[in-house]
């Protein structure tokens, strides 16, 4: 009986341990006309760019991708699209934001 109980407790504890996996996002930015250099300067002129983080779940990965898709520097970017992979698997979702050019 003790062995069965200890096995059950150990199994439950292992089930609650989250595993971390790589979350990779690809960010594609469209600059406002005449703002290409300024818009891509923080990324060394590269577009699209990729970023990777170790996260605990596909949901956390999607949340990061959604947050990253928001245009912060209004007036330099007209559109930003983010695609996401978790643990090497394409999640089949993309996130985007649009802004007016000034």
PDB file of N, CA and C in Angstrom:
ATOM      1  N   UNK A   1       0.824  -1.192   0.000  1.00  0.00           N
ATOM      2  CA  UNK A   1       0.000   0.000   0.000  1.00  0.00           C
ATOM      3  C   UNK A   1       0.864   1.251   0.000  1.00  0.00           C
ATOM      4  N   UNK A   2       1.908   1.273   0.842  1.00  0.00           N
ATOM      5  CA  UNK A   2       2.785   2.436   0.893  1.00  0.00           C
ATOM      6  C   UNK A   2       3.462   2.676  -0.453  1.00  0.00           C
ATOM      7  N   UNK A   3       3.884   1.591  -1.090  1.00  0.00           N
ATOM      8  CA  UNK A   3       4.562   1.710  -2.377  1.00  0.00           C
ATOM      9  C   UNK A   3       3.631   2.302  -3.426  1.00  0.00           C
ATOM     10  N   UNK A   4       2.389   1.842  -3.442  1.00  0.00           N
ATOM     11  CA  UNK A   4       1.417   2.355  -4.405  1.00  0.00           C
ATOM     12  C   UNK A   4       1.139   3.834  -4.157  1.00  0.00           C
ATOM     13  N   UNK A   5       1.027   4.219  -2.908  1.00  0.00           N
ATOM     14  CA  UNK A   5       0.774   5.609  -2.561  1.00  0.00           C
ATOM     15  C   UNK A   5       1.966   6.487  -2.947  1.00  0.00           C
ATOM     16  N   UNK A   6       3.166   6.016  -2.649  1.00  0.00           N
ATOM     17  CA  UNK A   6       4.358   6.781  -2.997  1.00  0.00           C
ATOM     18  C   UNK A   6       4.500   6.923  -4.511  1.00  0.00           C
ATOM     19  N   UNK A   7       4.170   5.880  -5.252  1.00  0.00           N
ATOM     20  CA  UNK A   7       4.233   5.925  -6.710  1.00  0.00           C
ATOM     21  C   UNK A   7       3.219   6.927  -7.247  1.00  0.00           C
ATOM     22  N   UNK A   8       2.021   6.919  -6.678  1.00  0.00           N
ATOM     23  CA  UNK A   8       0.977   7.853  -7.116  1.00  0.00           C
ATOM     24  C   UNK A   8       1.393   9.296  -6.842  1.00  0.00           C
ATOM     25  N   UNK A   9       1.950   9.553  -5.675  1.00  0.00           N
ATOM     26  CA  UNK A   9       2.399  10.909  -5.325  1.00  0.00           C
ATOM     27  C   UNK A   9       3.534  11.338  -6.256  1.00  0.00           C
ATOM     28  N   UNK A  10       4.476  10.471  -6.512  1.00  0.00           N
ATOM     29  CA  UNK A  10       5.596  10.791  -7.398  1.00  0.00           C
ATOM     30  C   UNK A  10       5.104  11.084  -8.811  1.00  0.00           C
ATOM     31  N   UNK A  11       4.139  10.314  -9.274  1.00  0.00           N
ATOM     32  CA  UNK A  11       3.580  10.521 -10.613  1.00  0.00           C
ATOM     33  C   UNK A  11       2.883  11.867 -10.685  1.00  0.00           C
ATOM     34  N   UNK A  12       2.110  12.220  -9.666  1.00  0.00           N
ATOM     35  CA  UNK A  12       1.416  13.502  -9.655  1.00  0.00           C
ATOM     36  C   UNK A  12       2.411  14.655  -9.638  1.00  0.00           C
ATOM     37  N   UNK A  13       3.477  14.524  -8.886  1.00  0.00           N
ATOM     38  CA  UNK A  13       4.483  15.586  -8.808  1.00  0.00           C
ATOM     39  C   UNK A  13       5.178  15.765 -10.157  1.00  0.00           C
ATOM     40  N   UNK A  14       5.468  14.682 -10.826  1.00  0.00           N
ATOM     41  CA  UNK A  14       6.123  14.769 -12.126  1.00  0.00           C
ATOM     42  C   UNK A  14       5.175  15.360 -13.160  1.00  0.00           C
ATOM     43  N   UNK A  15       3.900  15.078 -13.078  1.00  0.00           N
ATOM     44  CA  UNK A  15       2.926  15.609 -14.017  1.00  0.00           C
ATOM     45  C   UNK A  15       2.784  17.112 -13.872  1.00  0.00           C
ATOM     46  N   UNK A  16       3.023  17.631 -12.671  1.00  0.00           N
ATOM     47  CA  UNK A  16       2.876  19.059 -12.444  1.00  0.00           C
ATOM     48  C   UNK A  16       4.115  19.840 -12.852  1.00  0.00           C
ATOM     49  N   UNK A  17       5.220  19.176 -13.065  1.00  0.00           N
ATOM     50  CA  UNK A  17       6.436  19.857 -13.468  1.00  0.00           C
ATOM     51  C   UNK A  17       6.292  20.257 -14.935  1.00  0.00           C
ATOM     52  N   UNK A  18       6.386  21.544 -15.185  1.00  0.00           N
ATOM     53  CA  UNK A  18       6.284  22.038 -16.554  1.00  0.00           C
ATOM     54  C   UNK A  18       7.626  21.837 -17.243  1.00  0.00           C
ATOM     55  N   UNK A  19       7.569  21.566 -18.521  1.00  0.00           N
ATOM     56  CA  UNK A  19       8.805  21.435 -19.270  1.00  0.00           C
ATOM     57  C   UNK A  19       8.989  22.685 -20.117  1.00  0.00           C
ATOM     58  N   UNK A  20      10.193  23.130 -20.213  1.00  0.00           N
ATOM     59  CA  UNK A  20      10.502  24.292 -21.032  1.00  0.00           C
ATOM     60  C   UNK A  20      10.921  23.818 -22.416  1.00  0.00           C
ATOM     61  N   UNK A  21      10.539  24.578 -23.410  1.00  0.00           N
ATOM     62  CA  UNK A  21      10.917  24.286 -24.785  1.00  0.00           C
ATOM     63  C   UNK A  21      11.172  25.615 -25.483  1.00  0.00           C
ATOM     64  N   UNK A  22      11.835  25.544 -26.615  1.00  0.00           N
ATOM     65  CA  UNK A  22      12.126  26.761 -27.355  1.00  0.00           C
ATOM     66  C   UNK A  22      10.882  27.299 -28.042  1.00  0.00           C
ATOM     67  N   UNK A  23      10.670  28.580 -27.852  1.00  0.00           N
ATOM     68  CA  UNK A  23       9.625  29.314 -28.558  1.00  0.00           C
ATOM     69  C   UNK A  23      10.359  30.227 -29.533  1.00  0.00           C
ATOM     70  N   UNK A  24      10.108  30.040 -30.817  1.00  0.00           N
ATOM     71  CA  UNK A  24      10.762  30.873 -31.821  1.00  0.00           C
ATOM     72  C   UNK A  24       9.719  31.709 -32.546  1.00  0.00           C
ATOM     73  N   UNK A  25       9.953  33.013 -32.575  1.00  0.00           N
ATOM     74  CA  UNK A  25       9.064  33.893 -33.317  1.00  0.00           C
ATOM     75  C   UNK A  25       9.832  34.511 -34.477  1.00  0.00           C
ATOM     76  N   UNK A  26       9.125  34.721 -35.564  1.00  0.00           N
ATOM     77  CA  UNK A  26       9.667  35.416 -36.723  1.00  0.00           C
ATOM     78  C   UNK A  26       8.870  36.696 -36.863  1.00  0.00           C
ATOM     79  N   UNK A  27       9.578  37.824 -36.878  1.00  0.00           N
ATOM     80  CA  UNK A  27       8.937  39.132 -36.926  1.00  0.00           C
ATOM     81  C   UNK A  27       9.234  39.784 -38.270  1.00  0.00           C
ATOM     82  N   UNK A  28       8.181  40.125 -39.004  1.00  0.00           N
ATOM     83  CA  UNK A  28       8.307  40.792 -40.298  1.00  0.00           C
ATOM     84  C   UNK A  28       7.713  42.193 -40.154  1.00  0.00           C
ATOM     85  N   UNK A  29       8.522  43.191 -40.450  1.00  0.00           N
ATOM     86  CA  UNK A  29       8.096  44.582 -40.290  1.00  0.00           C
ATOM     87  C   UNK A  29       7.997  45.261 -41.643  1.00  0.00           C
ATOM     88  N   UNK A  30       6.963  46.114 -41.806  1.00  0.00           N
ATOM     89  CA  UNK A  30       6.836  46.955 -43.001  1.00  0.00           C
ATOM     90  C   UNK A  30       6.953  48.400 -42.537  1.00  0.00           C
ATOM     91  N   UNK A  31       7.978  49.057 -43.051  1.00  0.00           N
ATOM     92  CA  UNK A  31       8.249  50.431 -42.645  1.00  0.00           C
ATOM     93  C   UNK A  31       7.382  51.418 -43.428  1.00  0.00           C
ATOM     94  N   UNK A  32       7.148  52.556 -42.819  1.00  0.00           N
ATOM     95  CA  UNK A  32       6.488  53.651 -43.514  1.00  0.00           C
ATOM     96  C   UNK A  32       7.432  54.144 -44.614  1.00  0.00           C
ATOM     97  N   UNK A  33       6.863  54.672 -45.691  1.00  0.00           N
ATOM     98  CA  UNK A  33       7.670  55.180 -46.805  1.00  0.00           C
ATOM     99  C   UNK A  33       8.669  56.214 -46.298  1.00  0.00           C
ATOM    100  N   UNK A  34       9.926  56.035 -46.690  1.00  0.00           N
ATOM    101  CA  UNK A  34      10.974  56.954 -46.297  1.00  0.00           C
ATOM    102  C   UNK A  34      11.530  56.712 -44.901  1.00  0.00           C
ATOM    103  N   UNK A  35      10.985  55.747 -44.170  1.00  0.00           N
ATOM    104  CA  UNK A  35      11.426  55.467 -42.792  1.00  0.00           C
ATOM    105  C   UNK A  35      12.099  54.098 -42.670  1.00  0.00           C
ATOM    106  N   UNK A  36      12.445  53.491 -43.798  1.00  0.00           N
ATOM    107  CA  UNK A  36      12.991  52.145 -43.783  1.00  0.00           C
ATOM    108  C   UNK A  36      14.248  52.018 -42.926  1.00  0.00           C
ATOM    109  N   UNK A  37      15.195  52.931 -43.107  1.00  0.00           N
ATOM    110  CA  UNK A  37      16.458  52.854 -42.357  1.00  0.00           C
ATOM    111  C   UNK A  37      16.187  53.027 -40.864  1.00  0.00           C
ATOM    112  N   UNK A  38      15.391  54.019 -40.514  1.00  0.00           N
ATOM    113  CA  UNK A  38      15.071  54.287 -39.105  1.00  0.00           C
ATOM    114  C   UNK A  38      14.323  53.111 -38.474  1.00  0.00           C
ATOM    115  N   UNK A  39      13.374  52.546 -39.211  1.00  0.00           N
ATOM    116  CA  UNK A  39      12.552  51.463 -38.674  1.00  0.00           C
ATOM    117  C   UNK A  39      13.353  50.189 -38.431  1.00  0.00           C
ATOM    118  N   UNK A  40      14.319  49.909 -39.289  1.00  0.00           N
ATOM    119  CA  UNK A  40      15.074  48.660 -39.188  1.00  0.00           C
ATOM    120  C   UNK A  40      16.419  48.817 -38.498  1.00  0.00           C
ATOM    121  N   UNK A  41      16.790  50.026 -38.104  1.00  0.00           N
ATOM    122  CA  UNK A  41      18.074  50.260 -37.453  1.00  0.00           C
ATOM    123  C   UNK A  41      18.273  49.406 -36.191  1.00  0.00           C
ATOM    124  N   UNK A  42      17.258  49.273 -35.316  1.00  0.00           N
ATOM    125  CA  UNK A  42      17.463  48.437 -34.117  1.00  0.00           C
ATOM    126  C   UNK A  42      17.722  46.956 -34.434  1.00  0.00           C
ATOM    127  N   UNK A  43      17.475  46.560 -35.666  1.00  0.00           N
ATOM    128  CA  UNK A  43      17.616  45.154 -36.062  1.00  0.00           C
ATOM    129  C   UNK A  43      18.757  44.997 -37.071  1.00  0.00           C
ATOM    130  N   UNK A  44      19.679  45.974 -37.071  1.00  0.00           N
ATOM    131  CA  UNK A  44      20.829  45.975 -37.985  1.00  0.00           C
ATOM    132  C   UNK A  44      20.406  45.879 -39.445  1.00  0.00           C
ATOM    133  N   UNK A  45      19.263  46.480 -39.764  1.00  0.00           N
ATOM    134  CA  UNK A  45      18.770  46.491 -41.135  1.00  0.00           C
ATOM    135  C   UNK A  45      18.139  45.190 -41.590  1.00  0.00           C
ATOM    136  N   UNK A  46      18.072  44.198 -40.712  1.00  0.00           N
ATOM    137  CA  UNK A  46      17.528  42.881 -41.082  1.00  0.00           C
ATOM    138  C   UNK A  46      16.005  42.869 -40.978  1.00  0.00           C
ATOM    139  N   UNK A  47      15.406  42.208 -41.897  1.00  0.00           N
ATOM    140  CA  UNK A  47      13.965  41.990 -41.884  1.00  0.00           C
ATOM    141  C   UNK A  47      13.660  40.825 -42.809  1.00  0.00           C
ATOM    142  N   UNK A  48      12.990  39.804 -42.360  1.00  0.00           N
ATOM    143  CA  UNK A  48      12.467  39.576 -41.017  1.00  0.00           C
ATOM    144  C   UNK A  48      13.572  39.169 -40.040  1.00  0.00           C
ATOM    145  N   UNK A  49      13.217  39.169 -38.764  1.00  0.00           N
ATOM    146  CA  UNK A  49      14.146  38.750 -37.712  1.00  0.00           C
ATOM    147  C   UNK A  49      13.528  37.584 -36.947  1.00  0.00           C
ATOM    148  N   UNK A  50      14.402  36.829 -36.274  1.00  0.00           N
ATOM    149  CA  UNK A  50      13.941  35.707 -35.452  1.00  0.00           C
ATOM    150  C   UNK A  50      14.447  35.884 -34.029  1.00  0.00           C
ATOM    151  N   UNK A  51      13.619  35.502 -33.077  1.00  0.00           N
ATOM    152  CA  UNK A  51      13.993  35.531 -31.667  1.00  0.00           C
ATOM    153  C   UNK A  51      13.553  34.216 -31.043  1.00  0.00           C
ATOM    154  N   UNK A  52      14.331  33.750 -30.060  1.00  0.00           N
ATOM    155  CA  UNK A  52      14.013  32.496 -29.383  1.00  0.00           C
ATOM    156  C   UNK A  52      14.076  32.696 -27.873  1.00  0.00           C
ATOM    157  N   UNK A  53      13.095  32.111 -27.189  1.00  0.00           N
ATOM    158  CA  UNK A  53      13.035  32.118 -25.730  1.00  0.00           C
ATOM    159  C   UNK A  53      12.674  30.721 -25.270  1.00  0.00           C
ATOM    160  N   UNK A  54      13.122  30.350 -24.094  1.00  0.00           N
ATOM    161  CA  UNK A  54      12.717  29.092 -23.491  1.00  0.00           C
ATOM    162  C   UNK A  54      11.470  29.375 -22.651  1.00  0.00           C
ATOM    163  N   UNK A  55      10.352  28.764 -23.026  1.00  0.00           N
ATOM    164  CA  UNK A  55       9.081  28.982 -22.324  1.00  0.00           C
ATOM    165  C   UNK A  55       8.444  27.651 -21.948  1.00  0.00           C
ATOM    166  N   UNK A  56       7.503  27.707 -21.000  1.00  0.00           N
ATOM    167  CA  UNK A  56       6.904  26.491 -20.446  1.00  0.00           C
ATOM    168  C   UNK A  56       5.754  25.895 -21.253  1.00  0.00           C
ATOM    169  N   UNK A  57       5.126  26.696 -22.138  1.00  0.00           N
ATOM    170  CA  UNK A  57       3.960  26.161 -22.843  1.00  0.00           C
ATOM    171  C   UNK A  57       3.747  26.876 -24.165  1.00  0.00           C
ATOM    172  N   UNK A  58       2.957  26.238 -25.013  1.00  0.00           N
ATOM    173  CA  UNK A  58       2.587  26.855 -26.287  1.00  0.00           C
ATOM    174  C   UNK A  58       1.776  28.129 -26.041  1.00  0.00           C
ATOM    175  N   UNK A  59       0.971  28.122 -24.985  1.00  0.00           N
ATOM    176  CA  UNK A  59       0.166  29.299 -24.660  1.00  0.00           C
ATOM    177  C   UNK A  59       1.059  30.483 -24.286  1.00  0.00           C
ATOM    178  N   UNK A  60       2.100  30.231 -23.507  1.00  0.00           N
ATOM    179  CA  UNK A  60       3.038  31.299 -23.141  1.00  0.00           C
ATOM    180  C   UNK A  60       3.765  31.803 -24.387  1.00  0.00           C
ATOM    181  N   UNK A  61       4.064  30.908 -25.289  1.00  0.00           N
ATOM    182  CA  UNK A  61       4.725  31.264 -26.541  1.00  0.00           C
ATOM    183  C   UNK A  61       3.816  32.171 -27.370  1.00  0.00           C
ATOM    184  N   UNK A  62       2.554  31.814 -27.479  1.00  0.00           N
ATOM    185  CA  UNK A  62       1.592  32.625 -28.222  1.00  0.00           C
ATOM    186  C   UNK A  62       1.414  33.994 -27.575  1.00  0.00           C
ATOM    187  N   UNK A  63       1.407  34.042 -26.261  1.00  0.00           N
ATOM    188  CA  UNK A  63       1.261  35.314 -25.545  1.00  0.00           C
ATOM    189  C   UNK A  63       2.447  36.231 -25.858  1.00  0.00           C
ATOM    190  N   UNK A  64       3.656  35.682 -25.868  1.00  0.00           N
ATOM    191  CA  UNK A  64       4.843  36.454 -26.196  1.00  0.00           C
ATOM    192  C   UNK A  64       4.768  36.955 -27.647  1.00  0.00           C
ATOM    193  N   UNK A  65       4.331  36.095 -28.560  1.00  0.00           N
ATOM    194  CA  UNK A  65       4.212  36.488 -29.969  1.00  0.00           C
ATOM    195  C   UNK A  65       3.188  37.613 -30.134  1.00  0.00           C
ATOM    196  N   UNK A  66       2.064  37.499 -29.444  1.00  0.00           N
ATOM    197  CA  UNK A  66       1.030  38.532 -29.527  1.00  0.00           C
ATOM    198  C   UNK A  66       1.556  39.869 -29.002  1.00  0.00           C
ATOM    199  N   UNK A  67       2.245  39.832 -27.868  1.00  0.00           N
ATOM    200  CA  UNK A  67       2.799  41.057 -27.289  1.00  0.00           C
ATOM    201  C   UNK A  67       3.847  41.668 -28.226  1.00  0.00           C
ATOM    202  N   UNK A  68       4.677  40.831 -28.818  1.00  0.00           N
ATOM    203  CA  UNK A  68       5.718  41.302 -29.726  1.00  0.00           C
ATOM    204  C   UNK A  68       5.141  41.923 -30.988  1.00  0.00           C
ATOM    205  N   UNK A  69       3.961  41.491 -31.396  1.00  0.00           N
ATOM    206  CA  UNK A  69       3.366  41.994 -32.642  1.00  0.00           C
ATOM    207  C   UNK A  69       2.876  43.436 -32.550  1.00  0.00           C
ATOM    208  N   UNK A  70       2.756  43.971 -31.365  1.00  0.00           N
ATOM    209  CA  UNK A  70       2.250  45.338 -31.199  1.00  0.00           C
ATOM    210  C   UNK A  70       3.293  46.357 -31.657  1.00  0.00           C
ATOM    211  N   UNK A  71       2.858  47.301 -32.457  1.00  0.00           N
ATOM    212  CA  UNK A  71       3.739  48.371 -32.930  1.00  0.00           C
ATOM    213  C   UNK A  71       3.898  49.390 -31.818  1.00  0.00           C
ATOM    214  N   UNK A  72       5.126  49.580 -31.383  1.00  0.00           N
ATOM    215  CA  UNK A  72       5.420  50.511 -30.298  1.00  0.00           C
ATOM    216  C   UNK A  72       5.863  51.860 -30.869  1.00  0.00           C
ATOM    217  N   UNK A  73       6.719  51.814 -31.887  1.00  0.00           N
ATOM    218  CA  UNK A  73       7.233  53.046 -32.481  1.00  0.00           C
ATOM    219  C   UNK A  73       6.309  53.498 -33.609  1.00  0.00           C
ATOM    220  N   UNK A  74       5.211  54.105 -33.228  1.00  0.00           N
ATOM    221  CA  UNK A  74       4.231  54.585 -34.209  1.00  0.00           C
ATOM    222  C   UNK A  74       4.882  55.642 -35.091  1.00  0.00           C
ATOM    223  N   UNK A  75       4.542  55.616 -36.364  1.00  0.00           N
ATOM    224  CA  UNK A  75       5.102  56.586 -37.310  1.00  0.00           C
ATOM    225  C   UNK A  75       6.300  56.054 -38.075  1.00  0.00           C
ATOM    226  N   UNK A  76       6.863  54.931 -37.639  1.00  0.00           N
ATOM    227  CA  UNK A  76       7.976  54.331 -38.381  1.00  0.00           C
ATOM    228  C   UNK A  76       7.552  53.030 -39.054  1.00  0.00           C
ATOM    229  N   UNK A  77       6.659  52.301 -38.404  1.00  0.00           N
ATOM    230  CA  UNK A  77       6.162  51.046 -38.980  1.00  0.00           C
ATOM    231  C   UNK A  77       4.692  51.175 -39.343  1.00  0.00           C
ATOM    232  N   UNK A  78       4.335  50.593 -40.467  1.00  0.00           N
ATOM    233  CA  UNK A  78       2.942  50.564 -40.869  1.00  0.00           C
ATOM    234  C   UNK A  78       2.300  49.216 -40.572  1.00  0.00           C
ATOM    235  N   UNK A  79       3.142  48.164 -40.510  1.00  0.00           N
ATOM    236  CA  UNK A  79       2.614  46.825 -40.220  1.00  0.00           C
ATOM    237  C   UNK A  79       3.705  45.953 -39.606  1.00  0.00           C
ATOM    238  N   UNK A  80       3.261  45.067 -38.731  1.00  0.00           N
ATOM    239  CA  UNK A  80       4.172  44.124 -38.074  1.00  0.00           C
ATOM    240  C   UNK A  80       3.439  42.795 -37.957  1.00  0.00           C
ATOM    241  N   UNK A  81       4.075  41.726 -38.456  1.00  0.00           N
ATOM    242  CA  UNK A  81       3.495  40.382 -38.400  1.00  0.00           C
ATOM    243  C   UNK A  81       4.450  39.450 -37.670  1.00  0.00           C
ATOM    244  N   UNK A  82       3.895  38.592 -36.823  1.00  0.00           N
ATOM    245  CA  UNK A  82       4.697  37.645 -36.058  1.00  0.00           C
ATOM    246  C   UNK A  82       4.124  36.244 -36.247  1.00  0.00           C
ATOM    247  N   UNK A  83       5.001  35.306 -36.629  1.00  0.00           N
ATOM    248  CA  UNK A  83       4.616  33.895 -36.682  1.00  0.00           C
ATOM    249  C   UNK A  83       5.365  33.186 -35.570  1.00  0.00           C
ATOM    250  N   UNK A  84       4.831  32.033 -35.148  1.00  0.00           N
ATOM    251  CA  UNK A  84       5.346  31.409 -33.935  1.00  0.00           C
ATOM    252  C   UNK A  84       5.487  29.889 -34.072  1.00  0.00           C
ATOM    253  N   UNK A  85       6.584  29.371 -33.494  1.00  0.00           N
ATOM    254  CA  UNK A  85       6.827  27.929 -33.403  1.00  0.00           C
ATOM    255  C   UNK A  85       7.163  27.612 -31.959  1.00  0.00           C
ATOM    256  N   UNK A  86       6.633  26.508 -31.475  1.00  0.00           N
ATOM    257  CA  UNK A  86       6.944  26.057 -30.122  1.00  0.00           C
ATOM    258  C   UNK A  86       7.449  24.634 -30.191  1.00  0.00           C
ATOM    259  N   UNK A  87       8.589  24.391 -29.600  1.00  0.00           N
ATOM    260  CA  UNK A  87       9.207  23.069 -29.592  1.00  0.00           C
ATOM    261  C   UNK A  87       9.387  22.549 -31.022  1.00  0.00           C
ATOM    262  N   UNK A  88       9.714  23.481 -31.943  1.00  0.00           N
ATOM    263  CA  UNK A  88       9.962  23.125 -33.334  1.00  0.00           C
ATOM    264  C   UNK A  88       8.722  22.945 -34.185  1.00  0.00           C
ATOM    265  N   UNK A  89       7.542  23.092 -33.598  1.00  0.00           N
ATOM    266  CA  UNK A  89       6.292  22.882 -34.340  1.00  0.00           C
ATOM    267  C   UNK A  89       5.610  24.213 -34.615  1.00  0.00           C
ATOM    268  N   UNK A  90       5.245  24.414 -35.873  1.00  0.00           N
ATOM    269  CA  UNK A  90       4.513  25.618 -36.256  1.00  0.00           C
ATOM    270  C   UNK A  90       3.140  25.564 -35.593  1.00  0.00           C
ATOM    271  N   UNK A  91       2.798  26.587 -34.848  1.00  0.00           N
ATOM    272  CA  UNK A  91       1.504  26.606 -34.160  1.00  0.00           C
ATOM    273  C   UNK A  91       0.365  27.021 -35.080  1.00  0.00           C
ATOM    274  N   UNK A  92       0.686  27.394 -36.322  1.00  0.00           N
ATOM    275  CA  UNK A  92      -0.349  27.734 -37.288  1.00  0.00           C
ATOM    276  C   UNK A  92      -1.059  29.040 -36.984  1.00  0.00           C
ATOM    277  N   UNK A  93      -0.436  29.877 -36.198  1.00  0.00           N
ATOM    278  CA  UNK A  93      -1.043  31.165 -35.849  1.00  0.00           C
ATOM    279  C   UNK A  93      -0.078  32.280 -36.198  1.00  0.00           C
ATOM    280  N   UNK A  94      -0.651  33.428 -36.516  1.00  0.00           N
ATOM    281  CA  UNK A  94       0.170  34.614 -36.693  1.00  0.00           C
ATOM    282  C   UNK A  94      -0.543  35.771 -36.003  1.00  0.00           C
ATOM    283  N   UNK A  95       0.235  36.734 -35.598  1.00  0.00           N
ATOM    284  CA  UNK A  95      -0.274  37.904 -34.901  1.00  0.00           C
ATOM    285  C   UNK A  95       0.198  39.127 -35.663  1.00  0.00           C
ATOM    286  N   UNK A  96      -0.629  40.159 -35.719  1.00  0.00           N
ATOM    287  CA  UNK A  96      -0.221  41.338 -36.469  1.00  0.00           C
ATOM    288  C   UNK A  96      -0.830  42.604 -35.883  1.00  0.00           C
ATOM    289  N   UNK A  97      -0.236  43.710 -36.304  1.00  0.00           N
ATOM    290  CA  UNK A  97      -0.704  45.026 -35.898  1.00  0.00           C
ATOM    291  C   UNK A  97      -0.435  45.972 -37.059  1.00  0.00           C
ATOM    292  N   UNK A  98      -1.280  46.976 -37.205  1.00  0.00           N
ATOM    293  CA  UNK A  98      -1.108  47.995 -38.242  1.00  0.00           C
ATOM    294  C   UNK A  98      -1.207  49.363 -37.595  1.00  0.00           C
ATOM    295  N   UNK A  99      -0.507  50.317 -38.191  1.00  0.00           N
ATOM    296  CA  UNK A  99      -0.543  51.685 -37.700  1.00  0.00           C
ATOM    297  C   UNK A  99      -0.448  52.629 -38.900  1.00  0.00           C
ATOM    298  N   UNK A 100      -0.999  53.801 -38.728  1.00  0.00           N
ATOM    299  CA  UNK A 100      -0.933  54.809 -39.762  1.00  0.00           C
ATOM    300  C   UNK A 100       0.441  55.463 -39.764  1.00  0.00           C
ATOM    301  N   UNK A 101       0.912  55.792 -40.934  1.00  0.00           N
ATOM    302  CA  UNK A 101       2.181  56.520 -41.051  1.00  0.00           C
ATOM    303  C   UNK A 101       1.875  58.010 -40.875  1.00  0.00           C
ATOM    304  N   UNK A 102       2.824  58.716 -40.247  1.00  0.00           N
ATOM    305  CA  UNK A 102       2.626  60.160 -40.026  1.00  0.00           C
ATOM    306  C   UNK A 102       3.246  60.963 -41.142  1.00  0.00           C
TER     307      UNK A 102
END
